[in-house]
Protein backbone atom coordinates (compact mmCIF):
# COMPACT_ATOMS: atom_id res chain seq x y z
CA UNK A 1 -16.06 10.22 -6.46
CA UNK A 2 -17.44 7.82 -3.80
CA UNK A 3 -14.08 6.05 -3.59
CA UNK A 4 -12.07 9.40 -3.26
CA UNK A 5 -14.43 10.42 -0.36
CA UNK A 6 -13.98 7.09 1.52
CA UNK A 7 -10.17 7.26 1.07
CA UNK A 8 -10.04 10.92 2.32
CA UNK A 9 -12.11 10.27 5.37
CA UNK A 10 -9.97 7.21 6.26
CA UNK A 11 -6.61 9.12 5.91
CA UNK A 12 -7.96 12.11 7.97
CA UNK A 13 -9.20 9.75 10.74
CA UNK A 14 -5.64 8.30 11.19
CA UNK A 15 -3.99 11.55 10.75
CA UNK A 16 -4.76 12.74 14.23
CA UNK A 17 -3.10 9.66 15.76
CA UNK A 18 -0.05 10.21 13.54
CA UNK A 19 0.33 13.72 14.56
CA UNK A 20 1.00 12.80 18.14
CA UNK A 21 3.96 10.66 17.11
CA UNK A 22 7.00 11.51 14.93
CA UNK A 23 5.22 11.31 11.75
CA UNK A 24 4.96 14.29 9.34
CA UNK A 25 1.71 14.82 7.41
CA UNK A 26 1.07 16.64 4.18
CA UNK A 27 -1.95 17.54 2.01
CA UNK A 28 -1.12 17.99 -1.65
CA UNK A 29 -2.87 19.48 -4.79
CA UNK A 30 -1.62 19.81 -8.38
CA UNK A 31 -1.93 19.88 -12.15
CA UNK A 32 -1.14 16.76 -14.30
CA UNK A 33 0.26 16.75 -17.86
CA UNK A 34 0.06 13.32 -19.28
CA UNK A 35 0.49 11.19 -22.37
CA UNK A 36 0.46 7.51 -23.14
CA UNK A 37 3.57 6.08 -24.78
CA UNK A 38 2.53 3.67 -27.62
CA UNK A 39 -0.58 5.45 -28.72
CA UNK A 40 1.05 7.10 -31.91
CA UNK A 41 0.37 10.57 -30.28
CA UNK A 42 2.93 12.79 -28.80
CA UNK A 43 3.02 15.50 -26.15
CA UNK A 44 1.67 16.05 -22.62
CA UNK A 45 -1.59 17.18 -23.99
CA UNK A 46 -4.08 15.62 -21.58
CA UNK A 47 -4.45 17.91 -18.62
CA UNK A 48 -5.82 16.46 -15.28
CA UNK A 49 -5.93 17.07 -11.51
CA UNK A 50 -3.95 15.62 -8.63
CA UNK A 51 -4.94 15.52 -4.95
CA UNK A 52 -3.38 13.62 -2.14
CA UNK A 53 -2.84 13.03 1.63
CA UNK A 54 0.48 11.70 2.83
CA UNK A 55 2.68 10.86 5.83
CA UNK A 56 6.43 10.68 6.23
CA UNK A 57 8.43 9.05 8.93
CA UNK A 58 12.13 10.33 9.55
CA UNK A 59 14.73 7.61 9.26
CA UNK A 60 17.58 10.08 9.78
CA UNK A 61 18.19 13.66 9.87
CA UNK A 62 18.20 13.87 6.01
CA UNK A 63 16.15 10.80 4.89
CA UNK A 64 12.33 10.16 5.30
CA UNK A 65 10.12 7.19 4.38
CA UNK A 66 6.86 8.34 2.95
CA UNK A 67 3.46 7.14 1.65
CA UNK A 68 0.56 8.85 0.14
CA UNK A 69 -3.02 8.10 -0.89
CA UNK A 70 -3.96 10.18 -3.90
CA UNK A 71 -6.34 10.72 -6.76
CA UNK A 72 -4.78 11.35 -10.26
CA UNK A 73 -6.09 11.86 -13.61
CA UNK A 74 -3.97 10.40 -16.60
CA UNK A 75 -4.55 9.57 -20.27
CA UNK A 76 -3.98 11.03 -23.68
CA UNK A 77 -5.54 13.65 -26.00
CA UNK A 78 -5.34 14.88 -29.58
CA UNK A 79 -7.69 17.74 -30.69
CA UNK A 80 -8.62 17.96 -34.37
CA UNK A 81 -7.16 20.94 -36.25
CA UNK A 82 -8.58 20.97 -39.78
CA UNK A 83 -6.80 24.24 -40.61
CA UNK A 84 -3.50 22.47 -40.25
CA UNK A 85 -4.54 19.18 -41.91
CA UNK A 86 -5.35 17.27 -38.64
CA UNK A 87 -8.69 15.86 -38.78
CA UNK A 88 -8.63 13.03 -36.15
CA UNK A 89 -9.49 13.69 -32.52
CA UNK A 90 -9.01 11.23 -29.63
CA UNK A 91 -9.50 11.30 -25.87
CA UNK A 92 -8.40 8.83 -23.12
CA UNK A 93 -9.27 9.81 -19.66
CA UNK A 94 -8.11 7.47 -16.81
CA UNK A 95 -8.87 8.22 -13.20
CA UNK A 96 -6.81 6.39 -10.68
CA UNK A 97 -6.64 6.04 -6.87
CA UNK A 98 -2.97 5.69 -6.22
CA UNK A 99 -0.58 4.72 -3.25
CA UNK A 100 3.00 5.87 -3.81
CA UNK A 101 5.67 4.71 -1.38
CA UNK A 102 8.86 6.67 -1.58
CA UNK A 103 12.13 7.68 -0.02
CA UNK A 104 12.63 11.44 0.37
CA UNK A 105 16.13 12.85 0.88
CA UNK A 106 17.65 16.37 1.29
CA UNK A 107 19.91 17.56 -1.33
CA UNK A 108 20.34 20.97 0.37
CA UNK A 109 18.58 22.95 3.08
CA UNK A 110 15.75 23.88 0.58
CA UNK A 111 15.93 21.11 -2.15
CA UNK A 112 14.98 17.45 -1.80
CA UNK A 113 14.21 14.46 -3.99
CA UNK A 114 11.52 11.71 -3.94
CA UNK A 115 11.83 8.25 -5.51
CA UNK A 116 9.80 5.00 -5.24
CA UNK A 117 7.18 2.59 -6.61
CA UNK A 118 3.41 3.39 -7.08
CA UNK A 119 0.36 1.16 -7.02
CA UNK A 120 -2.73 2.52 -8.86
CA UNK A 121 -6.40 1.30 -9.00
CA UNK A 122 -8.33 2.34 -12.10
CA UNK A 123 -11.54 4.00 -10.89
CA UNK A 124 -12.94 4.87 -14.28
CA UNK A 125 -11.91 5.17 -17.94
CA UNK A 126 -13.36 7.09 -20.89
CA UNK A 127 -12.20 6.73 -24.45
CA UNK A 128 -13.60 8.60 -27.31
CA UNK A 129 -12.80 8.92 -31.11
CA UNK A 130 -13.65 11.61 -33.74
CA UNK A 131 -17.36 11.37 -33.18
CA UNK A 132 -17.30 11.60 -29.39
CA UNK A 133 -18.46 7.95 -29.28
CA UNK A 134 -16.88 5.77 -26.62
CA UNK A 135 -14.67 3.35 -28.46
CA UNK A 136 -15.21 -0.05 -27.09
CA UNK A 137 -14.77 -2.56 -30.22
CA UNK A 138 -14.26 -6.11 -29.24
CA UNK A 139 -10.87 -6.09 -30.74
CA UNK A 140 -9.61 -3.59 -28.12
CA UNK A 141 -9.08 -5.14 -24.67
CA UNK A 142 -10.13 -3.21 -21.49
CA UNK A 143 -7.78 -1.22 -19.37
CA UNK A 144 -6.09 -3.13 -16.53
CA UNK A 145 -7.55 -2.31 -13.18
CA UNK A 146 -4.16 -2.11 -11.42
CA UNK A 147 -1.17 -0.14 -12.52
CA UNK A 148 2.27 -0.56 -11.18
CA UNK A 149 4.62 2.40 -11.78
CA UNK A 150 7.66 4.30 -10.58
CA UNK A 151 8.10 8.04 -9.65
CA UNK A 152 10.84 10.41 -9.30
CA UNK A 153 10.62 14.04 -8.18
CA UNK A 154 12.47 17.07 -7.11
CA UNK A 155 10.93 19.42 -4.39
CA UNK A 156 11.69 22.90 -3.07
CA UNK A 157 10.84 23.85 0.56
CA UNK A 158 9.50 27.35 0.44
CA UNK A 159 9.10 27.64 4.21
CA UNK A 160 8.11 25.38 7.12
CA UNK A 161 4.56 25.00 5.80
CA UNK A 162 4.79 24.99 2.04
CA UNK A 163 6.78 23.30 -0.63
CA UNK A 164 6.51 22.81 -4.43
CA UNK A 165 7.36 19.58 -6.36
CA UNK A 166 7.89 18.64 -10.00
CA UNK A 167 7.23 14.88 -10.29
CA UNK A 168 7.48 12.25 -13.05
CA UNK A 169 5.68 8.92 -13.15
CA UNK A 170 5.88 6.07 -15.55
CA UNK A 171 4.12 2.65 -15.87
CA UNK A 172 6.17 -0.36 -15.38
CA UNK A 173 3.72 -2.72 -17.13
CA UNK A 174 1.37 -1.97 -20.09
CA UNK A 175 -2.06 -0.48 -18.89
CA UNK A 176 -3.88 -2.81 -21.37
CA UNK A 177 -3.14 -5.78 -23.60
CA UNK A 178 -2.33 -5.51 -27.25
CA UNK A 179 -5.37 -5.32 -29.39
CA UNK A 180 -6.01 -7.91 -32.12
CA UNK A 181 -6.48 -5.02 -34.66
CA UNK A 182 -4.15 -2.00 -34.59
CA UNK A 183 -5.92 1.27 -34.57
CA UNK A 184 -4.67 4.82 -35.69
CA UNK A 185 -4.50 5.96 -32.06
CA UNK A 186 -3.12 2.63 -30.56
CA UNK A 187 0.10 0.92 -31.43
CA UNK A 188 1.42 -1.49 -28.70
CA UNK A 189 2.50 -1.57 -25.07
CA UNK A 190 0.50 1.46 -23.72
CA UNK A 191 2.18 3.10 -20.68
CA UNK A 192 1.22 6.15 -18.68
CA UNK A 193 3.92 8.93 -18.88
CA UNK A 194 3.00 11.67 -16.45
CA UNK A 195 4.32 15.04 -15.26
CA UNK A 196 2.80 16.44 -12.06
CA UNK A 197 3.15 19.96 -10.62
CA UNK A 198 2.33 19.76 -6.95
CA UNK A 199 1.77 22.25 -4.12
CA UNK A 200 2.15 20.71 -0.68
CA UNK A 201 0.99 22.00 2.78
CA UNK A 202 2.74 20.49 5.78
CA UNK A 203 0.82 20.24 9.00
CA UNK A 204 3.85 19.80 11.32
């Protein structure tokens, strides 16, 4: 949380300078549904939160160049369900500070798209198995501290102040190296696969 506080204060401090220029600033909050491709589990079952502050600079009447500083929770989850023969439980919770850089373009008066690369820094990671014990065997390598990904999104401009966005993100490189011993919840080439439902407030 210390990192999130510092990032928030920094972006708020520069926002006042940007407001006086032609930059457009936005604050965002949302819900994340995530899974990790390669973990032998399926479905966007890990729910998390998303929060961000961003700025955009108009390149033309219909195209903006944008950047955000955000906090996003990713990972994977499977709950045990003995009644249906599922006895294994697993949780991977990954908290990232992230900087997406994107192009935003208008499709119509109300609808727009976003696309671009993302750079994430892993703030913390929790991994638990059936017995709620953090799984850190020597055969399983740690998560990489940096994540490089790509995002694509569609947004709807409700009015001058509010918009909603459905956003997808995917890791371009594995988030950890392949372990020496394969585990039931881990196959190979783990990559974050994320859906984010975002509500934006536009200051100007």
